[in-house]
Amino acid sequence: MRTTLAAFAALLALVTDAPAQTPPPPPPPGVLAKHLAAWEAKMRDVNLLSAVITRVDTDKVFKATTKLSGYALYMKSGAAGAVPLNKARLELTPDGKKEPSEKIISTGTFLYLYVPSRKEIQQHPIEKPKEGGALDDNFLGLVFGMKAKDAMDRYELTLHKEDAHYVYVNVLPKRPADKAEFKQARLVLNKTNYLPRQLWFEAPNGNETLWDLPRAEVPTRIDPRYFDAPRPDPGWKLVPVAGGPAAPPRVIRPSAGK
C-alpha cells in the first residue's frame, strides 16, 4: 500500500536549507547509522499516533501554491506475534474552505480514497506486509515501520545536518520505479522521540510538496471507529478497484476528498 498514514506522517523541516545553498560539512562516519537505529527502535514501539498536519503543494509550471491543513491518526492493531494491521485516517482542508478536500481511511485491509468530483469512494485492497516487513513498500514507508537497513538499501540516505532539536536526512531514490515518483527528498526527525517533523520532496517534473507536523504525539487512546470502513452518503457510491492487491498512487496527493 502506497498511500497510508505511515505515510502521511512524514514531513520536512521548518528550517530546511534551500538547495542552492552551500551544503554543510559531512557528518562524522556512523552518525547517520546511529540515528537510523534509534529511529527504527522508536517506530517499532509506536502503536498509536495523532498529528496536526499542514501540506503545501507548489506547482512550478503554473507558479501556484496550495496550502491544506488537517489531522492524521494512526493505530497498529492485532494479536501478539501476528502481522499487525496498520490503520490510518487523513483529512485535509484547503485554506479558506470549511470542508475537507482530501480524505483517506485505511482499515488495515482496505484503503478508502474519497473522490468528490465523481462522488465516489474508491476501495483499494492493501497487500498485507510479510512478518517483519515494512509498513509500506514505498517512499513514504520510509517514515514509519521500515527497518534502517532496508531504508539504506533502497534509498541513498545522507545526513544533511543536525541541530539541538532535529535530524535532517537527505533521500535520493535508487530504483527506477522510485525515480519515477520523486527526484529528491528531505526527512526531518525530532531528536527527542524520532517522530517525523517534516518531509519535503521534489517530483520529477519539479513540483514540490512539503508536509509539516507541528504537533505529533503518541496518545493513550484513539477511538477505533475513526478507522471503520466508510458508508457512502446518499448520492455517493463505493467503487472497488479491480486488479488484486494493487496499490494506489505512492504519494499522498489524491483527488479531492469528501
C-alpha atoms as a PDB file:
ATOM      1  CA  MET A   1       0.000   0.000   0.000  1.00  0.00           C
ATOM      2  CA  ARG A   2       1.466   3.256  -1.077  1.00  0.00           C
ATOM      3  CA  THR A   3      -0.901   5.737   0.407  1.00  0.00           C
ATOM      4  CA  THR A   4      -1.266   5.280   4.125  1.00  0.00           C
ATOM      5  CA  LEU A   5      -0.618   7.028   7.361  1.00  0.00           C
ATOM      6  CA  ALA A   6       2.769   5.620   7.563  1.00  0.00           C
ATOM      7  CA  ALA A   7       2.818   7.526   5.015  1.00  0.00           C
ATOM      8  CA  PHE A   8       1.000  10.606   5.851  1.00  0.00           C
ATOM      9  CA  ALA A   9       3.039  11.019   8.617  1.00  0.00           C
ATOM     10  CA  ALA A  10       6.074  12.370   7.123  1.00  0.00           C
ATOM     11  CA  LEU A  11       7.157  15.906   6.553  1.00  0.00           C
ATOM     12  CA  LEU A  12      10.214  18.295   6.170  1.00  0.00           C
ATOM     13  CA  ALA A  13      11.956  20.796   8.343  1.00  0.00           C
ATOM     14  CA  LEU A  14      10.906  24.241   9.461  1.00  0.00           C
ATOM     15  CA  VAL A  15      14.338  25.471   8.621  1.00  0.00           C
ATOM     16  CA  THR A  16      15.324  23.393   5.607  1.00  0.00           C
ATOM     17  CA  ASP A  17      18.200  24.910   3.682  1.00  0.00           C
ATOM     18  CA  ALA A  18      17.411  25.851   0.093  1.00  0.00           C
ATOM     19  CA  PRO A  19      19.003  23.506  -2.481  1.00  0.00           C
ATOM     20  CA  ALA A  20      21.152  26.338  -3.826  1.00  0.00           C
ATOM     21  CA  GLN A  21      22.835  26.942  -0.509  1.00  0.00           C
ATOM     22  CA  THR A  22      26.261  25.544   0.233  1.00  0.00           C
ATOM     23  CA  PRO A  23      25.823  22.172   1.941  1.00  0.00           C
ATOM     24  CA  PRO A  24      27.161  21.793   5.478  1.00  0.00           C
ATOM     25  CA  PRO A  25      30.314  19.767   6.142  1.00  0.00           C
ATOM     26  CA  PRO A  26      29.710  15.993   6.067  1.00  0.00           C
ATOM     27  CA  PRO A  27      28.970  14.492   9.487  1.00  0.00           C
ATOM     28  CA  PRO A  28      31.368  12.056  11.148  1.00  0.00           C
ATOM     29  CA  PRO A  29      31.070   8.449   9.863  1.00  0.00           C
ATOM     30  CA  GLY A  30      28.480   6.391  11.699  1.00  0.00           C
ATOM     31  CA  VAL A  31      26.361   9.320  12.881  1.00  0.00           C
ATOM     32  CA  LEU A  32      23.566   8.631  10.383  1.00  0.00           C
ATOM     33  CA  ALA A  33      23.598   4.915  11.204  1.00  0.00           C
ATOM     34  CA  LYS A  34      23.215   5.777  14.893  1.00  0.00           C
ATOM     35  CA  HIS A  35      20.191   7.991  14.220  1.00  0.00           C
ATOM     36  CA  LEU A  36      18.589   5.436  11.899  1.00  0.00           C
ATOM     37  CA  ALA A  37      18.973   2.708  14.501  1.00  0.00           C
ATOM     38  CA  ALA A  38      17.330   4.929  17.125  1.00  0.00           C
ATOM     39  CA  TRP A  39      14.557   5.835  14.666  1.00  0.00           C
ATOM     40  CA  GLU A  40      13.881   2.163  13.909  1.00  0.00           C
ATOM     41  CA  ALA A  41      13.688   1.296  17.616  1.00  0.00           C
ATOM     42  CA  LYS A  42      11.293   4.166  18.362  1.00  0.00           C
ATOM     43  CA  MET A  43       8.999   3.434  15.428  1.00  0.00           C
ATOM     44  CA  ARG A  44       8.802  -0.239  16.383  1.00  0.00           C
ATOM     45  CA  ASP A  45       7.128   0.781  19.649  1.00  0.00           C
ATOM     46  CA  VAL A  46       4.617   3.209  18.109  1.00  0.00           C
ATOM     47  CA  ASN A  47       1.104   1.732  18.251  1.00  0.00           C
ATOM     48  CA  LEU A  48      -0.860   4.993  18.289  1.00  0.00           C
ATOM     49  CA  LEU A  49      -0.145   8.356  16.757  1.00  0.00           C
ATOM     50  CA  SER A  50      -2.054  11.575  16.257  1.00  0.00           C
ATOM     51  CA  ALA A  51      -0.758  14.609  14.435  1.00  0.00           C
ATOM     52  CA  VAL A  52      -1.758  18.065  13.308  1.00  0.00           C
ATOM     53  CA  ILE A  53      -0.710  18.406   9.682  1.00  0.00           C
ATOM     54  CA  THR A  54      -0.208  21.080   7.080  1.00  0.00           C
ATOM     55  CA  ARG A  55       0.764  20.445   3.476  1.00  0.00           C
ATOM     56  CA  VAL A  56       1.991  22.938   0.913  1.00  0.00           C
ATOM     57  CA  ASP A  57       1.940  21.952  -2.770  1.00  0.00           C
ATOM     58  CA  THR A  58       3.994  24.080  -5.154  1.00  0.00           C
ATOM     59  CA  ASP A  59       3.342  23.833  -8.891  1.00  0.00           C
ATOM     60  CA  LYS A  60       6.441  25.193 -10.615  1.00  0.00           C
ATOM     61  CA  VAL A  61       4.849  25.219 -14.076  1.00  0.00           C
ATOM     62  CA  PHE A  62       1.823  27.325 -13.156  1.00  0.00           C
ATOM     63  CA  LYS A  63       3.645  29.071 -10.284  1.00  0.00           C
ATOM     64  CA  ALA A  64       0.804  28.194  -7.931  1.00  0.00           C
ATOM     65  CA  THR A  65       0.896  27.255  -4.248  1.00  0.00           C
ATOM     66  CA  THR A  66      -1.846  25.435  -2.361  1.00  0.00           C
ATOM     67  CA  LYS A  67      -1.933  25.029   1.411  1.00  0.00           C
ATOM     68  CA  LEU A  68      -4.055  22.473   3.238  1.00  0.00           C
ATOM     69  CA  SER A  69      -4.422  21.787   6.957  1.00  0.00           C
ATOM     70  CA  GLY A  70      -5.894  18.937   8.936  1.00  0.00           C
ATOM     71  CA  TYR A  71      -5.039  15.920  11.005  1.00  0.00           C
ATOM     72  CA  ALA A  72      -3.774  12.353  10.798  1.00  0.00           C
ATOM     73  CA  LEU A  73      -4.412   9.359  13.039  1.00  0.00           C
ATOM     74  CA  TYR A  74      -2.632   6.013  13.142  1.00  0.00           C
ATOM     75  CA  MET A  75      -3.289   2.780  15.002  1.00  0.00           C
ATOM     76  CA  LYS A  76      -1.439  -0.516  14.902  1.00  0.00           C
ATOM     77  CA  SER A  77      -3.630  -3.433  15.945  1.00  0.00           C
ATOM     78  CA  GLY A  78      -3.550  -7.221  16.003  1.00  0.00           C
ATOM     79  CA  ALA A  79      -2.765 -10.185  18.197  1.00  0.00           C
ATOM     80  CA  ALA A  80       0.687 -10.529  19.712  1.00  0.00           C
ATOM     81  CA  GLY A  81       3.075 -12.259  17.340  1.00  0.00           C
ATOM     82  CA  ALA A  82       0.860 -11.712  14.292  1.00  0.00           C
ATOM     83  CA  VAL A  83       1.500  -9.332  11.425  1.00  0.00           C
ATOM     84  CA  PRO A  84      -0.167  -6.089  12.599  1.00  0.00           C
ATOM     85  CA  LEU A  85      -2.908  -4.191  10.831  1.00  0.00           C
ATOM     86  CA  ASN A  86      -1.887  -0.601  10.155  1.00  0.00           C
ATOM     87  CA  LYS A  87      -4.958   1.620  10.372  1.00  0.00           C
ATOM     88  CA  ALA A  88      -4.909   5.272   9.401  1.00  0.00           C
ATOM     89  CA  ARG A  89      -7.013   8.333   8.724  1.00  0.00           C
ATOM     90  CA  LEU A  90      -6.097  11.569   6.995  1.00  0.00           C
ATOM     91  CA  GLU A  91      -8.244  14.658   6.423  1.00  0.00           C
ATOM     92  CA  LEU A  92      -7.019  17.889   4.830  1.00  0.00           C
ATOM     93  CA  THR A  93      -8.903  21.135   4.173  1.00  0.00           C
ATOM     94  CA  PRO A  94      -7.688  23.901   1.833  1.00  0.00           C
ATOM     95  CA  ASP A  95      -7.130  27.318   3.368  1.00  0.00           C
ATOM     96  CA  GLY A  96     -10.309  29.369   3.223  1.00  0.00           C
ATOM     97  CA  LYS A  97     -12.578  26.323   2.934  1.00  0.00           C
ATOM     98  CA  LYS A  98     -14.755  24.692   5.587  1.00  0.00           C
ATOM     99  CA  GLU A  99     -14.973  21.141   4.259  1.00  0.00           C
ATOM    100  CA  PRO A 100     -12.074  18.683   3.764  1.00  0.00           C
ATOM    101  CA  SER A 101     -10.995  18.312   0.156  1.00  0.00           C
ATOM    102  CA  GLU A 102      -8.943  15.181   0.807  1.00  0.00           C
ATOM    103  CA  LYS A 103      -9.874  12.201   2.911  1.00  0.00           C
ATOM    104  CA  ILE A 104      -8.251   8.793   3.211  1.00  0.00           C
ATOM    105  CA  ILE A 105      -9.153   5.945   5.546  1.00  0.00           C
ATOM    106  CA  SER A 106      -7.135   2.761   5.923  1.00  0.00           C
ATOM    107  CA  THR A 107      -8.796  -0.109   7.778  1.00  0.00           C
ATOM    108  CA  GLY A 108      -5.646  -2.208   7.543  1.00  0.00           C
ATOM    109  CA  THR A 109      -7.152  -4.421   4.839  1.00  0.00           C
ATOM    110  CA  PHE A 110      -8.576  -1.752   2.523  1.00  0.00           C
ATOM    111  CA  LEU A 111      -7.704   1.826   1.759  1.00  0.00           C
ATOM    112  CA  TYR A 112     -10.629   4.158   1.002  1.00  0.00           C
ATOM    113  CA  LEU A 113      -9.927   7.205  -1.135  1.00  0.00           C
ATOM    114  CA  TYR A 114     -12.642   9.877  -1.423  1.00  0.00           C
ATOM    115  CA  VAL A 115     -13.103  11.374  -4.918  1.00  0.00           C
ATOM    116  CA  PRO A 116     -15.774  14.096  -4.668  1.00  0.00           C
ATOM    117  CA  SER A 117     -15.563  15.103  -8.338  1.00  0.00           C
ATOM    118  CA  ARG A 118     -17.215  11.743  -9.077  1.00  0.00           C
ATOM    119  CA  LYS A 119     -18.986  11.348  -5.742  1.00  0.00           C
ATOM    120  CA  GLU A 120     -17.314   8.030  -5.160  1.00  0.00           C
ATOM    121  CA  ILE A 121     -15.173   6.310  -2.572  1.00  0.00           C
ATOM    122  CA  GLN A 122     -12.507   4.128  -4.150  1.00  0.00           C
ATOM    123  CA  GLN A 123     -11.774   0.921  -2.261  1.00  0.00           C
ATOM    124  CA  HIS A 124      -8.195  -0.269  -2.777  1.00  0.00           C
ATOM    125  CA  PRO A 125      -7.119  -3.646  -1.352  1.00  0.00           C
ATOM    126  CA  ILE A 126      -3.975  -3.493   0.758  1.00  0.00           C
ATOM    127  CA  GLU A 127      -1.308  -6.114   0.343  1.00  0.00           C
ATOM    128  CA  LYS A 128      -0.531  -7.392   3.814  1.00  0.00           C
ATOM    129  CA  PRO A 129       3.159  -6.962   4.690  1.00  0.00           C
ATOM    130  CA  LYS A 130       5.214 -10.012   5.455  1.00  0.00           C
ATOM    131  CA  GLU A 131       6.210 -10.733   9.032  1.00  0.00           C
ATOM    132  CA  GLY A 132       8.875  -8.231   9.980  1.00  0.00           C
ATOM    133  CA  GLY A 133       8.343  -6.312   6.758  1.00  0.00           C
ATOM    134  CA  ALA A 134       7.951  -2.605   6.327  1.00  0.00           C
ATOM    135  CA  LEU A 135       4.686  -0.875   6.966  1.00  0.00           C
ATOM    136  CA  ASP A 136       4.602   0.402   3.413  1.00  0.00           C
ATOM    137  CA  ASP A 137       6.756  -0.679   0.495  1.00  0.00           C
ATOM    138  CA  ASN A 138       7.456   2.747  -0.898  1.00  0.00           C
ATOM    139  CA  PHE A 139       8.971   6.147  -0.220  1.00  0.00           C
ATOM    140  CA  LEU A 140       6.554   7.237   2.484  1.00  0.00           C
ATOM    141  CA  GLY A 141       7.005   3.871   4.157  1.00  0.00           C
ATOM    142  CA  LEU A 142      10.441   5.196   4.990  1.00  0.00           C
ATOM    143  CA  VAL A 143       8.858   7.328   7.670  1.00  0.00           C
ATOM    144  CA  PHE A 144       7.224   4.563   9.708  1.00  0.00           C
ATOM    145  CA  GLY A 145       7.977   0.896  10.007  1.00  0.00           C
ATOM    146  CA  MET A 146      10.835   0.401   7.553  1.00  0.00           C
ATOM    147  CA  LYS A 147      13.953  -1.148   9.027  1.00  0.00           C
ATOM    148  CA  ALA A 148      17.064   1.013   8.963  1.00  0.00           C
ATOM    149  CA  LYS A 149      18.976  -1.478   6.802  1.00  0.00           C
ATOM    150  CA  ASP A 150      16.092  -1.768   4.329  1.00  0.00           C
ATOM    151  CA  ALA A 151      15.876   2.017   4.099  1.00  0.00           C
ATOM    152  CA  MET A 152      19.599   2.358   3.370  1.00  0.00           C
ATOM    153  CA  ASP A 153      19.464  -0.474   0.819  1.00  0.00           C
ATOM    154  CA  ARG A 154      16.540   1.058  -1.029  1.00  0.00           C
ATOM    155  CA  TYR A 155      17.435   4.757  -0.851  1.00  0.00           C
ATOM    156  CA  GLU A 156      20.608   6.796  -0.853  1.00  0.00           C
ATOM    157  CA  LEU A 157      20.467   8.397   2.585  1.00  0.00           C
ATOM    158  CA  THR A 158      22.851  11.071   3.798  1.00  0.00           C
ATOM    159  CA  LEU A 159      22.826  13.150   6.956  1.00  0.00           C
ATOM    160  CA  HIS A 160      22.377  16.736   5.803  1.00  0.00           C
ATOM    161  CA  LYS A 161      22.867  18.176   9.285  1.00  0.00           C
ATOM    162  CA  GLU A 162      21.622  18.005  12.855  1.00  0.00           C
ATOM    163  CA  ASP A 163      20.977  20.648  15.461  1.00  0.00           C
ATOM    164  CA  ALA A 164      19.792  20.659  19.056  1.00  0.00           C
ATOM    165  CA  HIS A 165      16.248  19.631  18.077  1.00  0.00           C
ATOM    166  CA  TYR A 166      16.199  17.863  14.694  1.00  0.00           C
ATOM    167  CA  VAL A 167      17.967  15.385  12.430  1.00  0.00           C
ATOM    168  CA  TYR A 168      17.859  16.261   8.709  1.00  0.00           C
ATOM    169  CA  VAL A 169      18.203  13.331   6.296  1.00  0.00           C
ATOM    170  CA  ASN A 170      18.542  13.727   2.522  1.00  0.00           C
ATOM    171  CA  VAL A 171      16.881  10.992   0.474  1.00  0.00           C
ATOM    172  CA  LEU A 172      17.612  10.037  -3.139  1.00  0.00           C
ATOM    173  CA  PRO A 173      15.892   7.174  -4.993  1.00  0.00           C
ATOM    174  CA  LYS A 174      17.868   4.235  -6.345  1.00  0.00           C
ATOM    175  CA  ARG A 175      15.242   2.105  -8.095  1.00  0.00           C
ATOM    176  CA  PRO A 176      13.733   3.151 -11.443  1.00  0.00           C
ATOM    177  CA  ALA A 177      10.210   2.892 -10.008  1.00  0.00           C
ATOM    178  CA  ASP A 178      11.125   5.236  -7.147  1.00  0.00           C
ATOM    179  CA  LYS A 179      12.866   7.661  -9.519  1.00  0.00           C
ATOM    180  CA  ALA A 180       9.597   7.918 -11.425  1.00  0.00           C
ATOM    181  CA  GLU A 181       7.883   9.037  -8.202  1.00  0.00           C
ATOM    182  CA  PHE A 182      10.320  11.562  -6.752  1.00  0.00           C
ATOM    183  CA  LYS A 183      13.612  13.218  -7.604  1.00  0.00           C
ATOM    184  CA  GLN A 184      14.894  14.065  -4.149  1.00  0.00           C
ATOM    185  CA  ALA A 185      13.560  14.495  -0.634  1.00  0.00           C
ATOM    186  CA  ARG A 186      14.474  15.538   2.874  1.00  0.00           C
ATOM    187  CA  LEU A 187      13.108  13.976   6.038  1.00  0.00           C
ATOM    188  CA  VAL A 188      13.353  15.759   9.370  1.00  0.00           C
ATOM    189  CA  LEU A 189      13.031  13.814  12.625  1.00  0.00           C
ATOM    190  CA  ASN A 190      12.554  15.101  16.150  1.00  0.00           C
ATOM    191  CA  LYS A 191      15.710  14.314  18.054  1.00  0.00           C
ATOM    192  CA  THR A 192      13.892  13.552  21.310  1.00  0.00           C
ATOM    193  CA  ASN A 193      11.475  10.882  20.039  1.00  0.00           C
ATOM    194  CA  TYR A 194      12.340  10.383  16.334  1.00  0.00           C
ATOM    195  CA  LEU A 195       8.784  11.127  15.273  1.00  0.00           C
ATOM    196  CA  PRO A 196       8.671  12.897  11.896  1.00  0.00           C
ATOM    197  CA  ARG A 197       8.537  16.674  11.938  1.00  0.00           C
ATOM    198  CA  GLN A 198       8.644  17.435   8.227  1.00  0.00           C
ATOM    199  CA  LEU A 199       9.077  15.870   4.829  1.00  0.00           C
ATOM    200  CA  TRP A 200       9.836  17.713   1.628  1.00  0.00           C
ATOM    201  CA  PHE A 201      10.088  16.088  -1.736  1.00  0.00           C
ATOM    202  CA  GLU A 202      10.544  17.154  -5.335  1.00  0.00           C
ATOM    203  CA  ALA A 203       8.700  15.333  -8.107  1.00  0.00           C
ATOM    204  CA  PRO A 204      10.426  14.522 -11.415  1.00  0.00           C
ATOM    205  CA  ASN A 205       8.593  17.470 -13.040  1.00  0.00           C
ATOM    206  CA  GLY A 206       9.983  19.886 -10.450  1.00  0.00           C
ATOM    207  CA  ASN A 207       6.824  20.303  -8.383  1.00  0.00           C
ATOM    208  CA  GLU A 208       7.367  20.283  -4.625  1.00  0.00           C
ATOM    209  CA  THR A 209       5.374  19.052  -1.653  1.00  0.00           C
ATOM    210  CA  LEU A 210       6.053  19.974   1.953  1.00  0.00           C
ATOM    211  CA  TRP A 211       4.410  18.076   4.803  1.00  0.00           C
ATOM    212  CA  ASP A 212       4.710  19.630   8.258  1.00  0.00           C
ATOM    213  CA  LEU A 213       3.682  18.117  11.597  1.00  0.00           C
ATOM    214  CA  PRO A 214       3.864  20.976  14.084  1.00  0.00           C
ATOM    215  CA  ARG A 215       2.325  18.718  16.702  1.00  0.00           C
ATOM    216  CA  ALA A 216       2.674  14.933  16.754  1.00  0.00           C
ATOM    217  CA  GLU A 217       2.118  12.801  19.819  1.00  0.00           C
ATOM    218  CA  VAL A 218       1.563   9.257  20.999  1.00  0.00           C
ATOM    219  CA  PRO A 219      -1.844   9.345  22.751  1.00  0.00           C
ATOM    220  CA  THR A 220      -3.059   6.818  25.320  1.00  0.00           C
ATOM    221  CA  ARG A 221      -6.152   6.019  23.245  1.00  0.00           C
ATOM    222  CA  ILE A 222      -7.773   6.660  19.846  1.00  0.00           C
ATOM    223  CA  ASP A 223     -11.396   5.743  19.204  1.00  0.00           C
ATOM    224  CA  PRO A 224     -11.166   2.761  16.802  1.00  0.00           C
ATOM    225  CA  ARG A 225     -14.302   3.949  14.995  1.00  0.00           C
ATOM    226  CA  TYR A 226     -12.156   6.522  13.206  1.00  0.00           C
ATOM    227  CA  PHE A 227     -10.811   3.638  11.123  1.00  0.00           C
ATOM    228  CA  ASP A 228     -14.111   1.943  10.265  1.00  0.00           C
ATOM    229  CA  ALA A 229     -14.888   1.336   6.593  1.00  0.00           C
ATOM    230  CA  PRO A 230     -16.933   4.312   5.376  1.00  0.00           C
ATOM    231  CA  ARG A 231     -20.545   4.096   4.257  1.00  0.00           C
ATOM    232  CA  PRO A 232     -21.302   6.252   1.204  1.00  0.00           C
ATOM    233  CA  ASP A 233     -23.706   9.133   1.789  1.00  0.00           C
ATOM    234  CA  PRO A 234     -26.788   9.422  -0.447  1.00  0.00           C
ATOM    235  CA  GLY A 235     -25.656  10.197  -3.993  1.00  0.00           C
ATOM    236  CA  TRP A 236     -22.231   8.665  -3.421  1.00  0.00           C
ATOM    237  CA  LYS A 237     -21.083   5.182  -4.395  1.00  0.00           C
ATOM    238  CA  LEU A 238     -18.426   2.733  -3.273  1.00  0.00           C
ATOM    239  CA  VAL A 239     -16.138   1.664  -6.134  1.00  0.00           C
ATOM    240  CA  PRO A 240     -13.934  -1.401  -5.576  1.00  0.00           C
ATOM    241  CA  VAL A 241     -10.695  -1.064  -7.544  1.00  0.00           C
ATOM    242  CA  ALA A 242     -10.040  -4.220  -9.564  1.00  0.00           C
ATOM    243  CA  GLY A 243      -6.680  -5.826 -10.124  1.00  0.00           C
ATOM    244  CA  GLY A 244      -5.971  -7.676  -6.899  1.00  0.00           C
ATOM    245  CA  PRO A 245      -3.795  -6.194  -4.171  1.00  0.00           C
ATOM    246  CA  ALA A 246      -2.537  -3.353  -6.298  1.00  0.00           C
ATOM    247  CA  ALA A 247      -1.677  -0.126  -4.568  1.00  0.00           C
ATOM    248  CA  PRO A 248      -2.993   3.360  -5.202  1.00  0.00           C
ATOM    249  CA  PRO A 249      -0.537   6.163  -6.030  1.00  0.00           C
ATOM    250  CA  ARG A 250       2.574   6.251  -3.869  1.00  0.00           C
ATOM    251  CA  VAL A 251       2.416   9.891  -2.948  1.00  0.00           C
ATOM    252  CA  ILE A 252      -0.447  11.064  -0.780  1.00  0.00           C
ATOM    253  CA  ARG A 253      -1.864  13.567  -3.194  1.00  0.00           C
ATOM    254  CA  PRO A 254      -5.326  12.161  -4.036  1.00  0.00           C
ATOM    255  CA  SER A 255      -8.097  13.779  -5.984  1.00  0.00           C
ATOM    256  CA  ALA A 256     -10.108  15.838  -3.551  1.00  0.00           C
ATOM    257  CA  GLY A 257     -11.987  14.038  -0.819  1.00  0.00           C
ATOM    258  CA  LYS A 258     -15.250  14.479   0.937  1.00  0.00           C
END
